[in-house]
């Protein structure tokens, strides 16, 4: 899907495909350096992190295995509810493993905080986070994130795995959604 096919659904393109590709290569180099000589389990957070996980895994030269979790704190709206539900748990026992949580976006941080606590209780050798996007102005909890691709404004974004009502995930870039699509107002 191209930007021209979206009509007036998008307010703007925030991060281009080329910028995403370059940032993922940079993150992969840092992750490879950190985990040199060690196996890493990438834990993708469904559904949004699918694109990030796939492209990051291909950019890594470290030996990685992958697993997925699905957790949700969003309903049909654009703001996190703060109540976390596990929709799909890991298939892998992470005890003693180096675990890297792969996120598409960190918004309030409440879901990630819960996820870190949950996975930390399973006794991994290490537990770190990489995210493509972070909204510092939306944070409700302080979370240490080892690798951040881009800090972005507190606007509702779609594309590159991020959705609104399951739409726009397949966009190759990250864009801000026009408020009339989700019932918001212009700033």
N, C-alpha and C. Protein backbone atom coordinates (compact mmCIF):
# COMPACT_ATOMS: atom_id res chain seq x y z
N UNK A 1 0.85 -1.18 0.00
CA UNK A 1 0.00 0.00 0.00
C UNK A 1 0.89 1.24 0.00
N UNK A 2 0.59 2.14 -0.85
CA UNK A 2 1.37 3.36 -0.97
C UNK A 2 0.64 4.53 -0.35
N UNK A 3 1.42 5.54 -0.03
CA UNK A 3 0.86 6.74 0.60
C UNK A 3 -0.27 7.33 -0.24
N UNK A 4 -0.12 7.32 -1.56
CA UNK A 4 -1.14 7.91 -2.44
C UNK A 4 -2.45 7.12 -2.41
N UNK A 5 -2.41 5.85 -2.00
CA UNK A 5 -3.60 5.01 -1.94
C UNK A 5 -4.42 5.24 -0.67
N UNK A 6 -3.92 6.04 0.24
CA UNK A 6 -4.55 6.19 1.54
C UNK A 6 -5.55 7.34 1.61
N UNK A 7 -5.66 8.09 0.54
CA UNK A 7 -6.55 9.24 0.57
C UNK A 7 -6.13 10.19 1.67
N UNK A 8 -7.07 10.58 2.52
CA UNK A 8 -6.76 11.50 3.62
C UNK A 8 -6.70 10.79 4.97
N UNK A 9 -6.43 9.47 4.95
CA UNK A 9 -6.32 8.71 6.20
C UNK A 9 -5.11 9.12 7.03
N UNK A 10 -4.03 9.51 6.35
CA UNK A 10 -2.80 9.88 7.05
C UNK A 10 -2.68 11.39 7.19
N UNK A 11 -2.22 11.79 8.36
CA UNK A 11 -1.89 13.20 8.57
C UNK A 11 -0.51 13.49 7.98
N UNK A 12 0.45 12.57 8.23
CA UNK A 12 1.80 12.76 7.69
C UNK A 12 2.60 11.47 7.80
N UNK A 13 3.66 11.37 7.00
CA UNK A 13 4.64 10.29 7.13
C UNK A 13 5.66 10.77 8.16
N UNK A 14 5.82 10.01 9.21
CA UNK A 14 6.73 10.39 10.29
C UNK A 14 8.14 9.82 10.08
N UNK A 15 8.20 8.54 9.67
CA UNK A 15 9.49 7.87 9.47
C UNK A 15 9.40 7.05 8.18
N UNK A 16 10.30 7.29 7.26
CA UNK A 16 10.27 6.61 5.97
C UNK A 16 10.81 5.18 6.08
N UNK A 17 10.53 4.38 5.06
CA UNK A 17 11.05 3.02 4.99
C UNK A 17 12.58 3.04 5.04
N UNK A 18 13.19 3.97 4.34
CA UNK A 18 14.65 4.06 4.31
C UNK A 18 15.21 4.40 5.69
N UNK A 19 14.55 5.27 6.41
CA UNK A 19 14.99 5.61 7.77
C UNK A 19 14.84 4.41 8.70
N UNK A 20 13.76 3.65 8.55
CA UNK A 20 13.55 2.45 9.36
C UNK A 20 14.65 1.43 9.06
N UNK A 21 14.91 1.18 7.78
CA UNK A 21 15.94 0.20 7.40
C UNK A 21 17.31 0.58 7.98
N UNK A 22 17.66 1.85 7.87
CA UNK A 22 18.96 2.31 8.39
C UNK A 22 19.03 2.16 9.91
N UNK A 23 17.94 2.49 10.60
CA UNK A 23 17.92 2.39 12.06
C UNK A 23 18.00 0.93 12.50
N UNK A 24 17.29 0.04 11.83
CA UNK A 24 17.34 -1.38 12.20
C UNK A 24 18.75 -1.95 11.99
N UNK A 25 19.44 -1.52 10.95
CA UNK A 25 20.83 -1.96 10.74
C UNK A 25 21.72 -1.47 11.87
N UNK A 26 21.51 -0.24 12.30
CA UNK A 26 22.27 0.34 13.42
C UNK A 26 21.98 -0.41 14.72
N UNK A 27 20.71 -0.70 14.98
CA UNK A 27 20.33 -1.44 16.19
C UNK A 27 20.92 -2.85 16.15
N UNK A 28 20.85 -3.50 14.99
CA UNK A 28 21.38 -4.86 14.85
C UNK A 28 22.88 -4.90 15.15
N UNK A 29 23.61 -3.91 14.68
CA UNK A 29 25.06 -3.86 14.95
C UNK A 29 25.33 -3.75 16.45
N UNK A 30 24.56 -2.92 17.14
CA UNK A 30 24.73 -2.76 18.59
C UNK A 30 24.36 -4.05 19.33
N UNK A 31 23.30 -4.70 18.89
CA UNK A 31 22.85 -5.95 19.52
C UNK A 31 23.87 -7.05 19.28
N UNK A 32 24.39 -7.14 18.05
CA UNK A 32 25.44 -8.13 17.74
C UNK A 32 26.65 -7.95 18.65
N UNK A 33 27.03 -6.71 18.86
CA UNK A 33 28.18 -6.41 19.72
C UNK A 33 27.91 -6.85 21.17
N UNK A 34 26.71 -6.55 21.65
CA UNK A 34 26.33 -6.90 23.03
C UNK A 34 26.32 -8.41 23.26
N UNK A 35 25.80 -9.15 22.30
CA UNK A 35 25.60 -10.59 22.48
C UNK A 35 26.65 -11.43 21.74
N UNK A 36 27.78 -10.86 21.40
CA UNK A 36 28.82 -11.59 20.66
C UNK A 36 29.12 -12.93 21.32
N UNK A 37 29.03 -13.99 20.53
CA UNK A 37 29.35 -15.33 21.02
C UNK A 37 28.27 -15.99 21.86
N UNK A 38 27.12 -15.33 22.01
CA UNK A 38 26.03 -15.90 22.81
C UNK A 38 24.78 -16.06 21.95
N UNK A 39 24.02 -17.10 22.23
CA UNK A 39 22.73 -17.27 21.58
C UNK A 39 21.72 -16.34 22.22
N UNK A 40 20.84 -15.81 21.41
CA UNK A 40 19.83 -14.86 21.89
C UNK A 40 18.46 -15.35 21.47
N UNK A 41 17.51 -15.29 22.40
CA UNK A 41 16.11 -15.58 22.09
C UNK A 41 15.40 -14.25 21.89
N UNK A 42 14.95 -14.01 20.67
CA UNK A 42 14.15 -12.82 20.39
C UNK A 42 12.70 -13.14 20.72
N UNK A 43 12.08 -12.31 21.54
CA UNK A 43 10.67 -12.48 21.88
C UNK A 43 9.91 -11.32 21.26
N UNK A 44 9.19 -11.62 20.20
CA UNK A 44 8.39 -10.61 19.54
C UNK A 44 7.04 -10.47 20.21
N UNK A 45 6.60 -9.23 20.32
CA UNK A 45 5.30 -8.97 20.93
C UNK A 45 4.30 -8.76 19.80
N UNK A 46 3.39 -9.72 19.67
CA UNK A 46 2.39 -9.70 18.60
C UNK A 46 1.31 -8.66 18.87
N UNK A 47 0.71 -8.16 17.85
CA UNK A 47 0.96 -8.38 16.45
C UNK A 47 1.90 -7.32 15.91
N UNK A 48 1.98 -6.21 16.58
CA UNK A 48 2.69 -5.05 16.05
C UNK A 48 4.15 -5.26 15.74
N UNK A 49 4.84 -6.12 16.48
CA UNK A 49 6.29 -6.26 16.31
C UNK A 49 6.70 -7.21 15.19
N UNK A 50 5.75 -7.75 14.46
CA UNK A 50 6.08 -8.72 13.40
C UNK A 50 7.07 -8.14 12.40
N UNK A 51 6.82 -6.95 11.91
CA UNK A 51 7.70 -6.35 10.90
C UNK A 51 9.08 -6.06 11.50
N UNK A 52 9.10 -5.48 12.69
CA UNK A 52 10.36 -5.15 13.36
C UNK A 52 11.16 -6.43 13.61
N UNK A 53 10.49 -7.44 14.14
CA UNK A 53 11.16 -8.70 14.47
C UNK A 53 11.76 -9.35 13.22
N UNK A 54 10.99 -9.42 12.15
CA UNK A 54 11.47 -10.07 10.92
C UNK A 54 12.68 -9.32 10.36
N UNK A 55 12.58 -8.02 10.25
CA UNK A 55 13.67 -7.25 9.65
C UNK A 55 14.89 -7.17 10.56
N UNK A 56 14.66 -7.07 11.87
CA UNK A 56 15.78 -7.05 12.81
C UNK A 56 16.50 -8.40 12.81
N UNK A 57 15.75 -9.49 12.84
CA UNK A 57 16.37 -10.83 12.86
C UNK A 57 17.23 -11.04 11.62
N UNK A 58 16.76 -10.58 10.46
CA UNK A 58 17.55 -10.71 9.23
C UNK A 58 18.81 -9.85 9.26
N UNK A 59 18.76 -8.74 9.97
CA UNK A 59 19.91 -7.83 10.04
C UNK A 59 20.96 -8.30 11.04
N UNK A 60 20.59 -9.17 11.97
CA UNK A 60 21.52 -9.65 12.99
C UNK A 60 22.45 -10.72 12.42
N UNK A 61 23.70 -10.70 12.86
CA UNK A 61 24.61 -11.78 12.48
C UNK A 61 24.78 -12.77 13.63
N UNK A 62 24.27 -12.44 14.81
CA UNK A 62 24.29 -13.35 15.96
C UNK A 62 23.36 -14.53 15.68
N UNK A 63 23.61 -15.63 16.40
CA UNK A 63 22.68 -16.76 16.30
C UNK A 63 21.46 -16.43 17.16
N UNK A 64 20.30 -16.44 16.53
CA UNK A 64 19.08 -16.12 17.27
C UNK A 64 18.04 -17.21 17.06
N UNK A 65 17.21 -17.37 18.07
CA UNK A 65 15.99 -18.13 17.94
C UNK A 65 14.87 -17.15 18.22
N UNK A 66 13.65 -17.51 17.82
CA UNK A 66 12.54 -16.59 17.97
C UNK A 66 11.34 -17.27 18.61
N UNK A 67 10.62 -16.49 19.38
CA UNK A 67 9.34 -16.92 19.94
C UNK A 67 8.46 -15.69 20.01
N UNK A 68 7.20 -15.92 20.28
CA UNK A 68 6.23 -14.82 20.25
C UNK A 68 5.34 -14.84 21.48
N UNK A 69 4.97 -13.66 21.90
CA UNK A 69 3.93 -13.48 22.92
C UNK A 69 2.91 -12.52 22.35
N UNK A 70 1.68 -12.73 22.73
CA UNK A 70 0.64 -11.75 22.40
C UNK A 70 0.05 -11.29 23.72
N UNK A 71 0.19 -10.01 23.97
CA UNK A 71 -0.41 -9.39 25.14
C UNK A 71 -1.14 -8.15 24.65
N UNK A 72 -2.16 -7.77 25.38
CA UNK A 72 -2.93 -6.63 24.92
C UNK A 72 -3.33 -5.74 26.08
N UNK A 73 -3.23 -4.44 25.83
CA UNK A 73 -3.79 -3.46 26.77
C UNK A 73 -4.60 -2.43 25.99
N UNK A 74 -4.90 -2.76 24.74
CA UNK A 74 -5.71 -1.88 23.90
C UNK A 74 -7.02 -2.57 23.58
N UNK A 75 -8.08 -1.80 23.56
CA UNK A 75 -9.35 -2.28 23.03
C UNK A 75 -9.41 -1.82 21.58
N UNK A 76 -10.53 -1.24 21.21
CA UNK A 76 -10.67 -0.70 19.85
C UNK A 76 -10.22 0.74 19.78
N UNK A 77 -9.82 1.30 20.91
CA UNK A 77 -9.46 2.71 20.95
C UNK A 77 -8.00 2.96 20.65
N UNK A 78 -7.57 4.18 20.93
CA UNK A 78 -6.20 4.59 20.61
C UNK A 78 -5.35 4.78 21.85
N UNK A 79 -5.89 4.48 23.03
CA UNK A 79 -5.12 4.65 24.26
C UNK A 79 -5.08 3.34 25.02
N UNK A 80 -3.94 3.08 25.65
CA UNK A 80 -3.76 1.87 26.43
C UNK A 80 -4.73 1.88 27.61
N UNK A 81 -5.34 0.72 27.86
CA UNK A 81 -6.26 0.60 29.00
C UNK A 81 -5.50 0.38 30.30
N UNK A 82 -4.26 -0.12 30.21
CA UNK A 82 -3.47 -0.41 31.39
C UNK A 82 -3.72 -1.79 31.97
N UNK A 83 -4.76 -2.48 31.50
CA UNK A 83 -5.06 -3.84 31.94
C UNK A 83 -4.47 -4.80 30.91
N UNK A 84 -3.52 -5.64 31.35
CA UNK A 84 -2.81 -6.51 30.42
C UNK A 84 -3.41 -7.91 30.43
N UNK A 85 -3.61 -8.45 29.25
CA UNK A 85 -4.09 -9.82 29.09
C UNK A 85 -3.09 -10.58 28.23
N UNK A 86 -2.75 -11.82 28.62
CA UNK A 86 -1.93 -12.68 27.76
C UNK A 86 -2.87 -13.36 26.79
N UNK A 87 -2.63 -13.16 25.51
CA UNK A 87 -3.42 -13.81 24.47
C UNK A 87 -2.69 -15.04 23.94
N UNK A 88 -1.34 -15.00 23.95
CA UNK A 88 -0.50 -16.13 23.57
C UNK A 88 0.79 -16.06 24.36
N UNK A 89 1.11 -17.14 25.06
CA UNK A 89 2.34 -17.19 25.85
C UNK A 89 3.46 -17.81 25.02
N UNK A 90 4.67 -17.74 25.56
CA UNK A 90 5.84 -18.32 24.90
C UNK A 90 5.72 -19.83 24.82
N UNK A 91 6.29 -20.40 23.77
CA UNK A 91 6.40 -21.85 23.64
C UNK A 91 7.72 -22.34 24.22
N UNK A 92 8.65 -21.41 24.47
CA UNK A 92 10.01 -21.71 24.90
C UNK A 92 10.20 -21.45 26.39
N UNK A 93 10.91 -22.35 27.06
CA UNK A 93 11.32 -22.10 28.44
C UNK A 93 12.52 -21.16 28.38
N UNK A 94 12.42 -20.00 29.02
CA UNK A 94 13.49 -19.00 28.91
C UNK A 94 14.49 -19.04 30.06
N UNK A 95 14.32 -19.97 30.98
CA UNK A 95 15.25 -20.05 32.11
C UNK A 95 16.68 -20.21 31.61
N UNK A 96 17.57 -19.32 32.08
CA UNK A 96 18.97 -19.38 31.73
C UNK A 96 19.32 -18.86 30.34
N UNK A 97 18.35 -18.31 29.63
CA UNK A 97 18.59 -17.82 28.26
C UNK A 97 18.72 -16.31 28.23
N UNK A 98 19.42 -15.82 27.23
CA UNK A 98 19.52 -14.38 26.98
C UNK A 98 18.31 -13.99 26.14
N UNK A 99 17.43 -13.20 26.73
CA UNK A 99 16.15 -12.86 26.11
C UNK A 99 16.15 -11.39 25.72
N UNK A 100 15.75 -11.14 24.49
CA UNK A 100 15.61 -9.78 24.00
C UNK A 100 14.17 -9.59 23.54
N UNK A 101 13.43 -8.77 24.28
CA UNK A 101 12.05 -8.44 23.90
C UNK A 101 12.11 -7.46 22.73
N UNK A 102 11.39 -7.78 21.67
CA UNK A 102 11.33 -6.91 20.49
C UNK A 102 9.95 -6.27 20.44
N UNK A 103 9.94 -4.95 20.55
CA UNK A 103 8.69 -4.18 20.55
C UNK A 103 8.61 -3.29 19.32
N UNK A 104 7.39 -3.03 18.89
CA UNK A 104 7.18 -2.04 17.84
C UNK A 104 7.17 -0.64 18.43
N UNK A 105 6.46 -0.48 19.56
CA UNK A 105 6.31 0.84 20.15
C UNK A 105 6.13 0.73 21.66
N UNK A 106 6.69 1.68 22.37
CA UNK A 106 6.45 1.81 23.81
C UNK A 106 5.69 3.11 24.00
N UNK A 107 4.48 2.96 24.51
CA UNK A 107 3.56 4.08 24.70
C UNK A 107 3.58 4.47 26.17
N UNK A 108 2.62 3.99 26.93
CA UNK A 108 2.58 4.29 28.37
C UNK A 108 3.68 3.54 29.12
N UNK A 109 4.09 2.39 28.58
CA UNK A 109 5.07 1.55 29.25
C UNK A 109 4.45 0.55 30.20
N UNK A 110 3.15 0.65 30.43
CA UNK A 110 2.49 -0.24 31.38
C UNK A 110 2.54 -1.70 30.93
N UNK A 111 2.26 -1.95 29.67
CA UNK A 111 2.29 -3.32 29.15
C UNK A 111 3.70 -3.88 29.23
N UNK A 112 4.68 -3.11 28.81
CA UNK A 112 6.07 -3.57 28.84
C UNK A 112 6.55 -3.79 30.27
N UNK A 113 6.16 -2.94 31.19
CA UNK A 113 6.53 -3.10 32.59
C UNK A 113 6.00 -4.44 33.11
N UNK A 114 4.77 -4.73 32.79
CA UNK A 114 4.16 -5.99 33.19
C UNK A 114 4.90 -7.16 32.54
N UNK A 115 5.21 -7.03 31.26
CA UNK A 115 5.89 -8.10 30.53
C UNK A 115 7.28 -8.36 31.09
N UNK A 116 8.02 -7.31 31.41
CA UNK A 116 9.35 -7.47 32.01
C UNK A 116 9.26 -8.20 33.35
N UNK A 117 8.28 -7.86 34.15
CA UNK A 117 8.09 -8.53 35.44
C UNK A 117 7.74 -10.01 35.23
N UNK A 118 6.83 -10.26 34.30
CA UNK A 118 6.40 -11.62 34.02
C UNK A 118 7.56 -12.47 33.52
N UNK A 119 8.29 -11.98 32.52
CA UNK A 119 9.40 -12.76 31.96
C UNK A 119 10.57 -12.82 32.92
N UNK A 120 10.81 -11.77 33.68
CA UNK A 120 11.88 -11.77 34.68
C UNK A 120 11.69 -12.86 35.72
N UNK A 121 10.44 -13.16 36.06
CA UNK A 121 10.15 -14.20 37.05
C UNK A 121 10.47 -15.60 36.53
N UNK A 122 10.70 -15.72 35.24
CA UNK A 122 11.02 -17.01 34.63
C UNK A 122 12.53 -17.29 34.59
N UNK A 123 13.31 -16.42 35.24
CA UNK A 123 14.75 -16.59 35.45
C UNK A 123 15.60 -16.68 34.17
N UNK A 124 15.45 -15.72 33.26
CA UNK A 124 16.37 -15.71 32.12
C UNK A 124 17.77 -15.29 32.57
N UNK A 125 18.79 -15.63 31.78
CA UNK A 125 20.16 -15.20 32.09
C UNK A 125 20.26 -13.68 31.98
N UNK A 126 19.57 -13.12 31.00
CA UNK A 126 19.48 -11.66 30.84
C UNK A 126 18.16 -11.34 30.16
N UNK A 127 17.70 -10.12 30.37
CA UNK A 127 16.43 -9.68 29.81
C UNK A 127 16.56 -8.22 29.41
N UNK A 128 16.52 -7.96 28.12
CA UNK A 128 16.65 -6.60 27.60
C UNK A 128 15.52 -6.31 26.63
N UNK A 129 15.42 -5.04 26.23
CA UNK A 129 14.35 -4.60 25.34
C UNK A 129 14.94 -3.80 24.19
N UNK A 130 14.42 -4.06 23.00
CA UNK A 130 14.68 -3.21 21.84
C UNK A 130 13.31 -2.80 21.29
N UNK A 131 13.16 -1.53 20.98
CA UNK A 131 11.92 -1.04 20.39
C UNK A 131 12.23 -0.14 19.22
N UNK A 132 11.39 -0.22 18.21
CA UNK A 132 11.56 0.69 17.08
C UNK A 132 11.17 2.10 17.48
N UNK A 133 10.05 2.22 18.20
CA UNK A 133 9.50 3.54 18.53
C UNK A 133 9.24 3.66 20.03
N UNK A 134 9.39 4.88 20.53
CA UNK A 134 9.06 5.18 21.93
C UNK A 134 8.44 6.57 21.97
N UNK A 135 7.39 6.69 22.79
CA UNK A 135 6.74 7.98 23.01
C UNK A 135 7.08 8.45 24.42
N UNK A 136 8.17 9.20 24.60
CA UNK A 136 8.57 9.61 25.95
C UNK A 136 7.51 10.42 26.68
N UNK A 137 6.74 11.22 25.96
CA UNK A 137 5.73 12.06 26.60
C UNK A 137 4.50 11.28 27.06
N UNK A 138 4.37 10.03 26.62
CA UNK A 138 3.23 9.21 27.01
C UNK A 138 3.55 8.28 28.18
N UNK A 139 4.81 8.22 28.59
CA UNK A 139 5.25 7.26 29.61
C UNK A 139 4.55 7.49 30.95
N UNK A 140 4.05 6.38 31.51
CA UNK A 140 3.44 6.41 32.84
C UNK A 140 4.31 5.70 33.86
N UNK A 141 5.27 4.91 33.37
CA UNK A 141 6.21 4.21 34.24
C UNK A 141 7.61 4.37 33.64
N UNK A 142 8.60 4.29 34.51
CA UNK A 142 9.99 4.43 34.06
C UNK A 142 10.54 3.04 33.78
N UNK A 143 10.88 2.80 32.53
CA UNK A 143 11.41 1.50 32.11
C UNK A 143 12.74 1.71 31.42
N UNK A 144 13.72 0.88 31.78
CA UNK A 144 15.00 0.96 31.09
C UNK A 144 14.92 0.16 29.79
N UNK A 145 15.08 0.86 28.69
CA UNK A 145 15.06 0.23 27.38
C UNK A 145 16.46 0.36 26.79
N UNK A 146 17.08 -0.77 26.53
CA UNK A 146 18.48 -0.76 26.10
C UNK A 146 18.66 -0.14 24.72
N UNK A 147 17.76 -0.46 23.79
CA UNK A 147 17.90 0.04 22.42
C UNK A 147 16.58 0.63 21.94
N UNK A 148 16.64 1.90 21.54
CA UNK A 148 15.47 2.62 21.02
C UNK A 148 15.79 3.12 19.62
N UNK A 149 14.91 2.82 18.69
CA UNK A 149 15.09 3.30 17.33
C UNK A 149 14.83 4.79 17.22
N UNK A 150 13.59 5.18 17.49
CA UNK A 150 13.18 6.58 17.35
C UNK A 150 12.30 6.99 18.52
N UNK A 151 12.56 8.16 19.09
CA UNK A 151 11.61 8.79 20.01
C UNK A 151 10.68 9.63 19.15
N UNK A 152 9.38 9.47 19.38
CA UNK A 152 8.39 10.15 18.54
C UNK A 152 7.41 10.93 19.41
N UNK A 153 6.70 11.90 18.80
CA UNK A 153 5.70 12.65 19.56
C UNK A 153 4.53 11.76 19.97
N UNK A 154 3.77 12.22 20.93
CA UNK A 154 2.63 11.47 21.44
C UNK A 154 1.42 11.64 20.51
N UNK A 155 1.54 11.04 19.34
CA UNK A 155 0.46 11.02 18.36
C UNK A 155 0.17 9.58 18.01
N UNK A 156 -1.03 9.32 17.49
CA UNK A 156 -1.38 7.95 17.12
C UNK A 156 -0.74 7.63 15.78
N UNK A 157 0.12 6.60 15.77
CA UNK A 157 0.86 6.24 14.57
C UNK A 157 0.46 4.87 14.06
N UNK A 158 0.60 4.72 12.75
CA UNK A 158 0.28 3.45 12.08
C UNK A 158 1.38 3.14 11.08
N UNK A 159 1.36 1.90 10.62
CA UNK A 159 2.31 1.46 9.61
C UNK A 159 3.44 0.65 10.21
N UNK A 160 4.11 -0.11 9.37
CA UNK A 160 5.22 -0.96 9.76
C UNK A 160 4.86 -1.82 10.99
N UNK A 161 3.68 -2.42 10.91
CA UNK A 161 3.21 -3.31 11.98
C UNK A 161 2.20 -2.68 12.90
N UNK A 162 2.20 -1.37 12.99
CA UNK A 162 1.27 -0.65 13.88
C UNK A 162 -0.07 -0.47 13.18
N UNK A 163 -1.15 -0.63 13.94
CA UNK A 163 -2.46 -0.60 13.31
C UNK A 163 -3.43 0.33 14.02
N UNK A 164 -4.53 0.55 13.35
CA UNK A 164 -5.74 1.09 13.97
C UNK A 164 -6.86 0.17 13.50
N UNK A 165 -7.49 -0.52 14.44
CA UNK A 165 -8.54 -1.49 14.13
C UNK A 165 -8.09 -2.48 13.05
N UNK A 166 -6.87 -2.96 13.20
CA UNK A 166 -6.25 -3.97 12.33
C UNK A 166 -5.93 -3.45 10.92
N UNK A 167 -6.05 -2.19 10.67
CA UNK A 167 -5.72 -1.61 9.37
C UNK A 167 -4.36 -0.91 9.43
N UNK A 168 -3.75 -0.75 8.29
CA UNK A 168 -2.52 0.03 8.07
C UNK A 168 -1.22 -0.68 8.49
N UNK A 169 -1.29 -1.90 9.02
CA UNK A 169 -0.07 -2.61 9.46
C UNK A 169 0.92 -2.79 8.32
N UNK A 170 0.42 -2.96 7.11
CA UNK A 170 1.28 -3.29 5.97
C UNK A 170 1.97 -2.09 5.33
N UNK A 171 1.77 -0.91 5.86
CA UNK A 171 2.47 0.25 5.31
C UNK A 171 3.97 0.09 5.55
N UNK A 172 4.82 0.44 4.58
CA UNK A 172 6.26 0.27 4.74
C UNK A 172 6.92 1.39 5.53
N UNK A 173 6.15 2.34 6.01
CA UNK A 173 6.64 3.49 6.76
C UNK A 173 5.77 3.68 7.99
N UNK A 174 6.16 4.61 8.86
CA UNK A 174 5.33 4.97 10.02
C UNK A 174 4.75 6.35 9.76
N UNK A 175 3.44 6.44 9.91
CA UNK A 175 2.78 7.72 9.70
C UNK A 175 1.83 8.04 10.84
N UNK A 176 1.48 9.31 10.94
CA UNK A 176 0.48 9.72 11.93
C UNK A 176 -0.89 9.63 11.27
N UNK A 177 -1.82 9.06 12.00
CA UNK A 177 -3.17 8.86 11.50
C UNK A 177 -3.96 10.15 11.62
N UNK A 178 -4.71 10.46 10.59
CA UNK A 178 -5.55 11.65 10.63
C UNK A 178 -6.62 11.49 11.71
N UNK A 179 -6.81 12.50 12.54
CA UNK A 179 -7.75 12.40 13.67
C UNK A 179 -9.17 12.01 13.27
N UNK A 180 -9.62 12.40 12.09
CA UNK A 180 -11.00 12.06 11.71
C UNK A 180 -11.19 10.55 11.55
N UNK A 181 -10.11 9.80 11.38
CA UNK A 181 -10.21 8.35 11.24
C UNK A 181 -10.53 7.70 12.59
N UNK A 182 -9.95 8.19 13.66
CA UNK A 182 -10.17 7.57 14.98
C UNK A 182 -11.00 8.42 15.92
N UNK A 183 -11.58 9.49 15.42
CA UNK A 183 -12.46 10.31 16.26
C UNK A 183 -11.72 11.32 17.11
N UNK A 184 -10.45 11.57 16.82
CA UNK A 184 -9.66 12.56 17.57
C UNK A 184 -9.86 13.95 16.99
N UNK A 185 -9.12 14.89 17.53
CA UNK A 185 -9.18 16.27 17.04
C UNK A 185 -7.79 16.73 16.65
N UNK A 186 -7.72 17.68 15.75
CA UNK A 186 -6.43 18.27 15.37
C UNK A 186 -5.90 19.07 16.53
N UNK A 187 -4.58 19.08 16.69
CA UNK A 187 -3.95 19.87 17.76
C UNK A 187 -3.96 21.34 17.41
